Amino acid sequence: MTIAKMRSLSFLPICLFLLLVVTLVTTYTIAVLRGDVEVFFPYISDTGGKPPESCIFGQFVNVACVLLLATLYVRFKEVDTIAGLPSTQINGLNKVSAVLGVAATLGMSVVANFQDTNVFVVHRIGAYTLFVCMTLYSMLHTMITYLLCPEYSKPLVGMVRLLLSLLMFFTMATCFTTSSVASAEWMNHHNPNDTEFFWKPTDGGYDFHIASTMCEWALAVSFALFCLTFVSEFRHISLGINMFLHTESFSAVGLGNDIQPNERTRLFV
């Protein structure tokens, strides 16, 4: 038997936050330098819509999905293993939030791998899934945080999460609304085949477009900061893995522990 143990899992939300920041900054910088997007608040997806920045965006976000899923799983197990909780309320919220977290991760993966320049409808579905599910996830875990106070959570952490979840809800609602208005105004003043990558102040719906993109950036940063708040709890969580070898010889795998390999033992079953 081999026992592997990590004494602190705080590196998960930290790495997730840093990777998201690096991804946003890198793809934005490349897209602007290449002239693929406007300098002033383009959509995040637009900064990763064309190669080579789309390749970097897709790869980095895929890695972020793995880190996000690991972070959400650790948070789920943390709440699930705390003893003496009102199980009906907190455990129910924890399970629902876990489903929302997985859905948000799936939406993030879709956003990364289906660029809006190629598969717009699928990309939009992934973005809506990501934004809605991660906002609901943050709100549920804010409720859980307050239910765990003061024994297993700090009131300050709960306050920070409440502010971030409210900011996420406000920016998400504003982003969806202003984006719809901006697109409608754009279609009234442009040919349907014109690209929406480059907006000018004279374009119809420009102010709504800028409001939408600013809210999208604020929403993404807010969620990254929300995940970063898990550091305070993850510092006190360790992960242990027990490994058992169920055979005395690798050549006997699948034969059972009571069977000894000999000259007629099959190497492949």
C-alpha atoms as a PDB file:
ATOM      1  CA  MET A   1       0.000   0.000   0.000  1.00  0.00           C
ATOM      2  CA  THR A   2       1.281   3.442  -0.924  1.00  0.00           C
ATOM      3  CA  ILE A   3      -0.136   6.614   0.620  1.00  0.00           C
ATOM      4  CA  ALA A   4       0.240   9.927  -1.249  1.00  0.00           C
ATOM      5  CA  LYS A   5      -0.862  13.084   0.504  1.00  0.00           C
ATOM      6  CA  MET A   6      -1.079  16.793  -0.304  1.00  0.00           C
ATOM      7  CA  ARG A   7      -1.114  18.863   2.863  1.00  0.00           C
ATOM      8  CA  SER A   8      -2.726  21.934   1.309  1.00  0.00           C
ATOM      9  CA  LEU A   9      -4.937  22.402  -1.736  1.00  0.00           C
ATOM     10  CA  SER A  10      -4.855  26.187  -1.784  1.00  0.00           C
ATOM     11  CA  PHE A  11      -2.760  26.026  -4.948  1.00  0.00           C
ATOM     12  CA  LEU A  12      -5.836  24.983  -6.977  1.00  0.00           C
ATOM     13  CA  PRO A  13      -7.812  28.269  -6.830  1.00  0.00           C
ATOM     14  CA  ILE A  14      -4.582  30.256  -7.000  1.00  0.00           C
ATOM     15  CA  CYS A  15      -3.442  28.496 -10.180  1.00  0.00           C
ATOM     16  CA  LEU A  16      -6.930  28.804 -11.649  1.00  0.00           C
ATOM     17  CA  PHE A  17      -7.050  32.551 -10.997  1.00  0.00           C
ATOM     18  CA  LEU A  18      -3.566  33.166 -12.389  1.00  0.00           C
ATOM     19  CA  LEU A  19      -4.205  31.061 -15.481  1.00  0.00           C
ATOM     20  CA  LEU A  20      -7.447  32.908 -16.259  1.00  0.00           C
ATOM     21  CA  VAL A  21      -5.712  36.272 -15.890  1.00  0.00           C
ATOM     22  CA  VAL A  22      -2.782  35.184 -18.071  1.00  0.00           C
ATOM     23  CA  THR A  23      -5.199  33.846 -20.697  1.00  0.00           C
ATOM     24  CA  LEU A  24      -7.227  37.045 -20.888  1.00  0.00           C
ATOM     25  CA  VAL A  25      -4.184  39.318 -20.980  1.00  0.00           C
ATOM     26  CA  THR A  26      -2.259  37.218 -23.512  1.00  0.00           C
ATOM     27  CA  THR A  27      -5.046  36.736 -26.031  1.00  0.00           C
ATOM     28  CA  TYR A  28      -6.161  40.366 -25.736  1.00  0.00           C
ATOM     29  CA  THR A  29      -2.614  41.630 -26.324  1.00  0.00           C
ATOM     30  CA  ILE A  30      -2.028  39.413 -29.352  1.00  0.00           C
ATOM     31  CA  ALA A  31      -5.429  40.192 -30.874  1.00  0.00           C
ATOM     32  CA  VAL A  32      -4.905  43.952 -30.491  1.00  0.00           C
ATOM     33  CA  LEU A  33      -1.348  43.880 -31.845  1.00  0.00           C
ATOM     34  CA  ARG A  34      -2.497  41.898 -34.883  1.00  0.00           C
ATOM     35  CA  GLY A  35      -5.436  44.243 -35.447  1.00  0.00           C
ATOM     36  CA  ASP A  36      -8.027  41.489 -35.038  1.00  0.00           C
ATOM     37  CA  VAL A  37     -10.105  43.426 -32.476  1.00  0.00           C
ATOM     38  CA  GLU A  38     -10.625  46.959 -31.292  1.00  0.00           C
ATOM     39  CA  VAL A  39      -8.441  48.219 -28.459  1.00  0.00           C
ATOM     40  CA  PHE A  40     -11.320  49.447 -26.297  1.00  0.00           C
ATOM     41  CA  PHE A  41     -13.186  46.587 -24.619  1.00  0.00           C
ATOM     42  CA  PRO A  42     -13.718  43.882 -27.233  1.00  0.00           C
ATOM     43  CA  TYR A  43     -15.666  40.784 -26.242  1.00  0.00           C
ATOM     44  CA  ILE A  44     -13.491  38.188 -24.539  1.00  0.00           C
ATOM     45  CA  SER A  45     -14.497  35.615 -27.135  1.00  0.00           C
ATOM     46  CA  ASP A  46     -13.458  37.970 -29.939  1.00  0.00           C
ATOM     47  CA  THR A  47      -9.916  38.147 -28.536  1.00  0.00           C
ATOM     48  CA  GLY A  48      -9.718  34.382 -29.043  1.00  0.00           C
ATOM     49  CA  GLY A  49     -11.660  34.176 -32.285  1.00  0.00           C
ATOM     50  CA  LYS A  50      -8.850  34.126 -34.849  1.00  0.00           C
ATOM     51  CA  PRO A  51      -5.545  32.241 -35.007  1.00  0.00           C
ATOM     52  CA  PRO A  52      -2.986  32.328 -33.505  1.00  0.00           C
ATOM     53  CA  GLU A  53      -4.697  33.806 -30.419  1.00  0.00           C
ATOM     54  CA  SER A  54      -7.579  31.325 -30.782  1.00  0.00           C
ATOM     55  CA  CYS A  55      -5.099  28.438 -30.353  1.00  0.00           C
ATOM     56  CA  ILE A  56      -3.702  29.960 -27.166  1.00  0.00           C
ATOM     57  CA  PHE A  57      -7.171  30.790 -25.890  1.00  0.00           C
ATOM     58  CA  GLY A  58      -8.453  27.270 -26.492  1.00  0.00           C
ATOM     59  CA  GLN A  59      -5.460  25.527 -24.926  1.00  0.00           C
ATOM     60  CA  PHE A  60      -5.289  27.748 -21.846  1.00  0.00           C
ATOM     61  CA  VAL A  61      -9.036  27.628 -21.201  1.00  0.00           C
ATOM     62  CA  ASN A  62      -9.051  23.838 -21.531  1.00  0.00           C
ATOM     63  CA  VAL A  63      -6.408  23.632 -18.801  1.00  0.00           C
ATOM     64  CA  ALA A  64      -8.447  26.118 -16.757  1.00  0.00           C
ATOM     65  CA  CYS A  65     -11.461  23.799 -17.093  1.00  0.00           C
ATOM     66  CA  VAL A  66      -9.482  20.999 -15.459  1.00  0.00           C
ATOM     67  CA  LEU A  67      -8.397  23.278 -12.611  1.00  0.00           C
ATOM     68  CA  LEU A  68     -11.939  24.611 -12.222  1.00  0.00           C
ATOM     69  CA  LEU A  69     -13.410  21.117 -12.053  1.00  0.00           C
ATOM     70  CA  ALA A  70     -10.821  20.104  -9.445  1.00  0.00           C
ATOM     71  CA  THR A  71     -11.556  23.234  -7.409  1.00  0.00           C
ATOM     72  CA  LEU A  72     -15.294  22.640  -7.512  1.00  0.00           C
ATOM     73  CA  TYR A  73     -14.846  19.001  -6.502  1.00  0.00           C
ATOM     74  CA  VAL A  74     -12.675  19.882  -3.505  1.00  0.00           C
ATOM     75  CA  ARG A  75     -15.211  22.502  -2.408  1.00  0.00           C
ATOM     76  CA  PHE A  76     -18.026  19.959  -2.749  1.00  0.00           C
ATOM     77  CA  LYS A  77     -16.168  17.355  -0.681  1.00  0.00           C
ATOM     78  CA  GLU A  78     -15.232  19.978   1.912  1.00  0.00           C
ATOM     79  CA  VAL A  79     -18.854  20.882   2.599  1.00  0.00           C
ATOM     80  CA  ASP A  80     -19.952  17.264   2.276  1.00  0.00           C
ATOM     81  CA  THR A  81     -17.515  15.994   4.925  1.00  0.00           C
ATOM     82  CA  ILE A  82     -18.164  18.597   7.619  1.00  0.00           C
ATOM     83  CA  ALA A  83     -19.899  16.877  10.540  1.00  0.00           C
ATOM     84  CA  GLY A  84     -22.930  18.155  12.417  1.00  0.00           C
ATOM     85  CA  LEU A  85     -24.560  20.127   9.605  1.00  0.00           C
ATOM     86  CA  PRO A  86     -28.282  20.545   8.934  1.00  0.00           C
ATOM     87  CA  SER A  87     -28.013  18.001   6.120  1.00  0.00           C
ATOM     88  CA  THR A  88     -31.319  18.708   4.404  1.00  0.00           C
ATOM     89  CA  GLN A  89     -30.509  22.347   3.707  1.00  0.00           C
ATOM     90  CA  ILE A  90     -26.743  22.563   3.264  1.00  0.00           C
ATOM     91  CA  ASN A  91     -26.214  19.192   1.602  1.00  0.00           C
ATOM     92  CA  GLY A  92     -29.033  19.942  -0.811  1.00  0.00           C
ATOM     93  CA  LEU A  93     -27.492  23.278  -1.772  1.00  0.00           C
ATOM     94  CA  ASN A  94     -24.096  21.617  -2.071  1.00  0.00           C
ATOM     95  CA  LYS A  95     -25.353  18.964  -4.493  1.00  0.00           C
ATOM     96  CA  VAL A  96     -27.261  21.444  -6.649  1.00  0.00           C
ATOM     97  CA  SER A  97     -24.218  23.732  -6.802  1.00  0.00           C
ATOM     98  CA  ALA A  98     -22.038  20.781  -7.825  1.00  0.00           C
ATOM     99  CA  VAL A  99     -24.285  20.120 -10.828  1.00  0.00           C
ATOM    100  CA  LEU A 100     -24.206  23.810 -11.736  1.00  0.00           C
ATOM    101  CA  GLY A 101     -20.423  23.828 -11.415  1.00  0.00           C
ATOM    102  CA  VAL A 102     -20.037  20.891 -13.800  1.00  0.00           C
ATOM    103  CA  ALA A 103     -22.410  22.574 -16.264  1.00  0.00           C
ATOM    104  CA  ALA A 104     -20.402  25.808 -16.040  1.00  0.00           C
ATOM    105  CA  THR A 105     -17.179  23.887 -16.710  1.00  0.00           C
ATOM    106  CA  LEU A 106     -18.748  22.235 -19.734  1.00  0.00           C
ATOM    107  CA  GLY A 107     -19.904  25.635 -20.978  1.00  0.00           C
ATOM    108  CA  MET A 108     -16.388  27.018 -20.564  1.00  0.00           C
ATOM    109  CA  SER A 109     -14.992  24.122 -22.591  1.00  0.00           C
ATOM    110  CA  VAL A 110     -17.515  24.796 -25.361  1.00  0.00           C
ATOM    111  CA  VAL A 111     -16.554  28.481 -25.407  1.00  0.00           C
ATOM    112  CA  ALA A 112     -12.887  27.534 -25.736  1.00  0.00           C
ATOM    113  CA  ASN A 113     -13.277  24.986 -28.514  1.00  0.00           C
ATOM    114  CA  PHE A 114     -16.109  26.463 -30.602  1.00  0.00           C
ATOM    115  CA  GLN A 115     -15.043  29.967 -31.618  1.00  0.00           C
ATOM    116  CA  ASP A 116     -17.772  32.487 -32.360  1.00  0.00           C
ATOM    117  CA  THR A 117     -16.169  33.113 -35.765  1.00  0.00           C
ATOM    118  CA  ASN A 118     -16.775  29.495 -36.796  1.00  0.00           C
ATOM    119  CA  VAL A 119     -19.719  28.029 -34.847  1.00  0.00           C
ATOM    120  CA  PHE A 120     -21.544  31.048 -33.470  1.00  0.00           C
ATOM    121  CA  VAL A 121     -24.702  29.340 -32.180  1.00  0.00           C
ATOM    122  CA  VAL A 122     -22.825  26.610 -30.290  1.00  0.00           C
ATOM    123  CA  HIS A 123     -20.423  29.200 -28.881  1.00  0.00           C
ATOM    124  CA  ARG A 124     -23.309  31.360 -27.709  1.00  0.00           C
ATOM    125  CA  ILE A 125     -25.014  28.392 -26.010  1.00  0.00           C
ATOM    126  CA  GLY A 126     -21.757  27.572 -24.214  1.00  0.00           C
ATOM    127  CA  ALA A 127     -21.328  31.185 -23.107  1.00  0.00           C
ATOM    128  CA  TYR A 128     -24.885  31.406 -21.748  1.00  0.00           C
ATOM    129  CA  THR A 129     -24.434  28.108 -19.912  1.00  0.00           C
ATOM    130  CA  LEU A 130     -21.153  29.278 -18.431  1.00  0.00           C
ATOM    131  CA  PHE A 131     -22.403  32.676 -17.286  1.00  0.00           C
ATOM    132  CA  VAL A 132     -25.740  31.526 -15.867  1.00  0.00           C
ATOM    133  CA  CYS A 133     -24.437  28.431 -14.095  1.00  0.00           C
ATOM    134  CA  MET A 134     -21.379  30.075 -12.574  1.00  0.00           C
ATOM    135  CA  THR A 135     -23.483  32.986 -11.305  1.00  0.00           C
ATOM    136  CA  LEU A 136     -25.981  30.615  -9.682  1.00  0.00           C
ATOM    137  CA  TYR A 137     -23.091  28.577  -8.290  1.00  0.00           C
ATOM    138  CA  SER A 138     -21.589  31.647  -6.640  1.00  0.00           C
ATOM    139  CA  MET A 139     -24.923  32.606  -5.101  1.00  0.00           C
ATOM    140  CA  LEU A 140     -25.524  29.120  -3.679  1.00  0.00           C
ATOM    141  CA  HIS A 141     -22.058  28.930  -2.161  1.00  0.00           C
ATOM    142  CA  THR A 142     -22.505  32.360  -0.682  1.00  0.00           C
ATOM    143  CA  MET A 143     -25.574  30.989   1.092  1.00  0.00           C
ATOM    144  CA  ILE A 144     -23.581  27.939   2.206  1.00  0.00           C
ATOM    145  CA  THR A 145     -20.831  30.186   3.518  1.00  0.00           C
ATOM    146  CA  TYR A 146     -23.252  32.078   5.752  1.00  0.00           C
ATOM    147  CA  LEU A 147     -24.839  28.822   6.939  1.00  0.00           C
ATOM    148  CA  LEU A 148     -21.380  27.591   7.965  1.00  0.00           C
ATOM    149  CA  CYS A 149     -20.553  30.747   9.938  1.00  0.00           C
ATOM    150  CA  PRO A 150     -18.902  31.084  12.342  1.00  0.00           C
ATOM    151  CA  GLU A 151     -17.685  27.514  12.984  1.00  0.00           C
ATOM    152  CA  TYR A 152     -16.450  26.654   9.496  1.00  0.00           C
ATOM    153  CA  SER A 153     -16.376  29.982   7.684  1.00  0.00           C
ATOM    154  CA  LYS A 154     -15.434  33.578   8.371  1.00  0.00           C
ATOM    155  CA  PRO A 155     -18.042  36.364   8.127  1.00  0.00           C
ATOM    156  CA  LEU A 156     -15.586  38.472   6.108  1.00  0.00           C
ATOM    157  CA  VAL A 157     -15.297  35.715   3.497  1.00  0.00           C
ATOM    158  CA  GLY A 158     -19.086  35.518   3.333  1.00  0.00           C
ATOM    159  CA  MET A 159     -19.331  39.271   2.796  1.00  0.00           C
ATOM    160  CA  VAL A 160     -16.760  39.201  -0.011  1.00  0.00           C
ATOM    161  CA  ARG A 161     -18.565  36.328  -1.707  1.00  0.00           C
ATOM    162  CA  LEU A 162     -21.890  38.104  -1.356  1.00  0.00           C
ATOM    163  CA  LEU A 163     -20.526  41.236  -3.034  1.00  0.00           C
ATOM    164  CA  LEU A 164     -18.937  39.206  -5.839  1.00  0.00           C
ATOM    165  CA  SER A 165     -22.061  37.119  -6.455  1.00  0.00           C
ATOM    166  CA  LEU A 166     -24.235  40.238  -6.576  1.00  0.00           C
ATOM    167  CA  LEU A 167     -21.768  41.845  -8.978  1.00  0.00           C
ATOM    168  CA  MET A 168     -21.866  38.738 -11.142  1.00  0.00           C
ATOM    169  CA  PHE A 169     -25.652  38.724 -11.237  1.00  0.00           C
ATOM    170  CA  PHE A 170     -25.830  42.422 -12.100  1.00  0.00           C
ATOM    171  CA  THR A 171     -23.138  42.264 -14.808  1.00  0.00           C
ATOM    172  CA  MET A 172     -24.619  39.090 -16.318  1.00  0.00           C
ATOM    173  CA  ALA A 173     -28.113  40.567 -16.580  1.00  0.00           C
ATOM    174  CA  THR A 174     -26.755  43.835 -17.975  1.00  0.00           C
ATOM    175  CA  CYS A 175     -24.479  42.006 -20.427  1.00  0.00           C
ATOM    176  CA  PHE A 176     -27.302  39.908 -21.842  1.00  0.00           C
ATOM    177  CA  THR A 177     -29.674  42.855 -22.150  1.00  0.00           C
ATOM    178  CA  THR A 178     -27.266  45.369 -23.684  1.00  0.00           C
ATOM    179  CA  SER A 179     -25.810  42.746 -26.029  1.00  0.00           C
ATOM    180  CA  SER A 180     -29.240  42.005 -27.473  1.00  0.00           C
ATOM    181  CA  VAL A 181     -30.005  45.695 -27.961  1.00  0.00           C
ATOM    182  CA  ALA A 182     -26.588  46.374 -29.509  1.00  0.00           C
ATOM    183  CA  SER A 183     -26.935  43.498 -31.988  1.00  0.00           C
ATOM    184  CA  ALA A 184     -30.401  44.677 -33.005  1.00  0.00           C
ATOM    185  CA  GLU A 185     -29.151  48.230 -33.551  1.00  0.00           C
ATOM    186  CA  TRP A 186     -26.165  46.904 -35.511  1.00  0.00           C
ATOM    187  CA  MET A 187     -28.412  44.945 -37.864  1.00  0.00           C
ATOM    188  CA  ASN A 188     -30.484  48.070 -38.495  1.00  0.00           C
ATOM    189  CA  HIS A 189     -27.447  49.999 -39.688  1.00  0.00           C
ATOM    190  CA  HIS A 190     -25.299  47.326 -41.367  1.00  0.00           C
ATOM    191  CA  ASN A 191     -25.377  44.541 -43.877  1.00  0.00           C
ATOM    192  CA  PRO A 192     -26.088  41.153 -42.203  1.00  0.00           C
ATOM    193  CA  ASN A 193     -22.736  39.866 -43.514  1.00  0.00           C
ATOM    194  CA  ASP A 194     -20.737  42.645 -41.828  1.00  0.00           C
ATOM    195  CA  THR A 195     -18.581  41.502 -38.939  1.00  0.00           C
ATOM    196  CA  GLU A 196     -19.217  42.814 -35.423  1.00  0.00           C
ATOM    197  CA  PHE A 197     -15.546  42.668 -34.458  1.00  0.00           C
ATOM    198  CA  PHE A 198     -14.983  46.359 -35.140  1.00  0.00           C
ATOM    199  CA  TRP A 199     -17.406  48.837 -33.635  1.00  0.00           C
ATOM    200  CA  LYS A 200     -17.166  52.606 -34.135  1.00  0.00           C
ATOM    201  CA  PRO A 201     -18.817  55.335 -32.063  1.00  0.00           C
ATOM    202  CA  THR A 202     -20.932  56.177 -35.099  1.00  0.00           C
ATOM    203  CA  ASP A 203     -22.347  52.639 -35.332  1.00  0.00           C
ATOM    204  CA  GLY A 204     -25.858  52.023 -34.100  1.00  0.00           C
ATOM    205  CA  GLY A 205     -25.913  50.472 -30.646  1.00  0.00           C
ATOM    206  CA  TYR A 206     -22.282  51.373 -29.925  1.00  0.00           C
ATOM    207  CA  ASP A 207     -22.982  52.540 -26.359  1.00  0.00           C
ATOM    208  CA  PHE A 208     -24.912  49.345 -25.614  1.00  0.00           C
ATOM    209  CA  HIS A 209     -22.086  47.319 -27.132  1.00  0.00           C
ATOM    210  CA  ILE A 210     -19.481  48.919 -24.872  1.00  0.00           C
ATOM    211  CA  ALA A 211     -21.707  48.413 -21.830  1.00  0.00           C
ATOM    212  CA  SER A 212     -22.097  44.750 -22.761  1.00  0.00           C
ATOM    213  CA  THR A 213     -18.380  44.091 -23.236  1.00  0.00           C
ATOM    214  CA  MET A 214     -17.452  45.912 -20.024  1.00  0.00           C
ATOM    215  CA  CYS A 215     -19.963  43.806 -18.100  1.00  0.00           C
ATOM    216  CA  GLU A 216     -18.610  40.622 -19.670  1.00  0.00           C
ATOM    217  CA  TRP A 217     -15.067  41.441 -18.539  1.00  0.00           C
ATOM    218  CA  ALA A 218     -16.324  42.375 -15.071  1.00  0.00           C
ATOM    219  CA  LEU A 219     -18.295  39.116 -14.899  1.00  0.00           C
ATOM    220  CA  ALA A 220     -15.269  37.000 -15.831  1.00  0.00           C
ATOM    221  CA  VAL A 221     -12.982  38.757 -13.348  1.00  0.00           C
ATOM    222  CA  SER A 222     -15.610  38.515 -10.603  1.00  0.00           C
ATOM    223  CA  PHE A 223     -15.906  34.767 -11.025  1.00  0.00           C
ATOM    224  CA  ALA A 224     -12.118  34.350 -11.001  1.00  0.00           C
ATOM    225  CA  LEU A 225     -11.995  36.350  -7.757  1.00  0.00           C
ATOM    226  CA  PHE A 226     -14.842  34.280  -6.321  1.00  0.00           C
ATOM    227  CA  CYS A 227     -12.874  31.088  -6.923  1.00  0.00           C
ATOM    228  CA  LEU A 228      -9.850  32.751  -5.320  1.00  0.00           C
ATOM    229  CA  THR A 229     -11.796  33.163  -2.064  1.00  0.00           C
ATOM    230  CA  PHE A 230     -11.637  29.380  -1.600  1.00  0.00           C
ATOM    231  CA  VAL A 231      -7.962  29.737  -0.699  1.00  0.00           C
ATOM    232  CA  SER A 232      -8.818  30.515   2.929  1.00  0.00           C
ATOM    233  CA  GLU A 233     -10.609  27.168   3.326  1.00  0.00           C
ATOM    234  CA  PHE A 234      -8.396  25.076   1.049  1.00  0.00           C
ATOM    235  CA  ARG A 235      -5.368  25.902   3.208  1.00  0.00           C
ATOM    236  CA  HIS A 236      -6.855  23.595   5.860  1.00  0.00           C
ATOM    237  CA  ILE A 237      -7.713  20.738   3.483  1.00  0.00           C
ATOM    238  CA  SER A 238      -5.420  17.840   2.648  1.00  0.00           C
ATOM    239  CA  LEU A 239      -5.903  15.183   0.011  1.00  0.00           C
ATOM    240  CA  GLY A 240      -4.804  11.597   0.575  1.00  0.00           C
ATOM    241  CA  ILE A 241      -4.665   8.773  -1.954  1.00  0.00           C
ATOM    242  CA  ASN A 242      -4.309   5.118  -0.954  1.00  0.00           C
ATOM    243  CA  MET A 243      -2.917   2.782  -3.615  1.00  0.00           C
ATOM    244  CA  PHE A 244      -3.223  -1.006  -3.358  1.00  0.00           C
ATOM    245  CA  LEU A 245      -1.571  -3.624  -5.533  1.00  0.00           C
ATOM    246  CA  HIS A 246      -3.980  -6.571  -5.812  1.00  0.00           C
ATOM    247  CA  THR A 247      -1.504  -9.010  -7.318  1.00  0.00           C
ATOM    248  CA  GLU A 248       2.003 -10.229  -6.514  1.00  0.00           C
ATOM    249  CA  SER A 249       3.089  -9.950 -10.119  1.00  0.00           C
ATOM    250  CA  PHE A 250       2.003  -7.724 -12.990  1.00  0.00           C
ATOM    251  CA  SER A 251       1.869 -10.801 -15.214  1.00  0.00           C
ATOM    252  CA  ALA A 252      -0.906 -12.140 -12.986  1.00  0.00           C
ATOM    253  CA  VAL A 253      -3.207  -9.139 -13.398  1.00  0.00           C
ATOM    254  CA  GLY A 254      -6.787 -10.282 -13.850  1.00  0.00           C
ATOM    255  CA  LEU A 255      -6.035 -13.813 -12.630  1.00  0.00           C
ATOM    256  CA  GLY A 256      -6.738 -13.285  -8.951  1.00  0.00           C
ATOM    257  CA  ASN A 257      -4.404 -13.174  -5.958  1.00  0.00           C
ATOM    258  CA  ASP A 258      -4.739 -16.892  -5.318  1.00  0.00           C
ATOM    259  CA  ILE A 259      -3.318 -17.869  -8.726  1.00  0.00           C
ATOM    260  CA  GLN A 260       0.456 -18.024  -9.100  1.00  0.00           C
ATOM    261  CA  PRO A 261       1.893 -17.387 -12.557  1.00  0.00           C
ATOM    262  CA  ASN A 262       3.705 -20.278 -14.245  1.00  0.00           C
ATOM    263  CA  GLU A 263       5.020 -21.167 -17.665  1.00  0.00           C
ATOM    264  CA  ARG A 264       1.475 -21.582 -19.038  1.00  0.00           C
ATOM    265  CA  THR A 265       0.069 -18.378 -17.555  1.00  0.00           C
ATOM    266  CA  ARG A 266      -1.337 -16.064 -20.260  1.00  0.00           C
ATOM    267  CA  LEU A 267       0.274 -12.644 -20.375  1.00  0.00           C
ATOM    268  CA  PHE A 268      -2.804 -11.069 -22.008  1.00  0.00           C
ATOM    269  CA  VAL A 269      -6.354 -12.056 -21.049  1.00  0.00           C
END
